[in-house]
Amino acid sequence: MKRILDWLLPNLCLWCLQPLASTEIQICAHCNAQLPRLSLQQDQLGQCQIASNLADFQLDGLLSVSWYQLPWSRWIVQWKFHRDLAAAQALLHQFKIACQFWRQLGLSADAVAYVPMQRWRRWWRGFNQAEQLAQVAAETLQLPLWHGLQSTQRWHQVGRSGRLRRQHQRRFMLQTEQVPRHLLLIDDVITTGSTCNQLAQLLKAAGCDTIIVLTLAITPHPSMPARPDI
C-alpha cells in the first residue's frame, strides 16, 4: 500500500521538486548541501540592523541559521501563513541541526523561552511557530521550556515598516515573578529586533542577566546587499 501511495503521491524535495528517497527532512541531500547558511558559530548582532537602530539595547547575542532569503523566506511564509506541514518539518529539522551544533560549542542557559503571540492570532493560526522552534531547542539543548511571557497587544507587525515597528511599543507581561537568570529567546525571523529587545527589557528589569536570541533567519542591514555572500 505504501508503495502505491508513494507512486500516486510522490514526496518531492521542497527546493528542486525531485522525488525524495526519505521524507524525514523534506529536502534532498543535494539541496541540503547547497542551502545558504550563516556561520553558526558567529554572533550576528553586528551583521544586521538590530543594535544600531534600537534604544536601550538589551540583547546579549544573536545566532541565526541564515539570512532571510530564498529558499528560507519562501518556506517560512508557507509554514506561517499557509500551514504547510512539509515546510514546517523541513525548517524544524534544520533548526534542530543548528541547535545540535550550538550545543557542541557549549551554548547553554537556564531555560528556553519564545516570543509570545497574541491570543486571537494564536487561535486563528492554530500554532505559534516560535513556540514550536523553542520546543526543538529545549529538547536538543536539554533545557527546560519556559512559558513565562505573554502578549497583551492586538496590534500586529506584518506589513509594517521598520520605523513603525520600532516606534510602536508592543506590550508584554510576565506570567510569573521569577525569571531565569540566563535565557535563550526564540523567534522564527528577526527583522528589526524591536520585539525581542522589548522582551529583553522586560526580562532584565525582572532580574534576568543574559538573553541570547536564536532564530531561523535575520534581515540584513540595509547597507548590505540584498543577498549577502555567506
Foldseek 3Di string as FASTA:
>chain_A
DVVVCCVVPFQAQPPPGHGAPDLQQSHHPVVVVVDAFDDQVDFCPVFAQAPVPAPPFQADTEGAGEACDPPLVVLVCCCQPVVPVSSLSNLLVSLLVSLLVVVVVVDDFQEEEEQADAPVSCVVRVHASQVSSSVSNCVSNVHHYDHFKYWPDPDDDPPHDPVVLNPDLGDMDTPDLDDTQTYEYEDAEAEHCNSVRSVSVRRVVSPHNHYYYYYHHYHGYPVADRHHDD
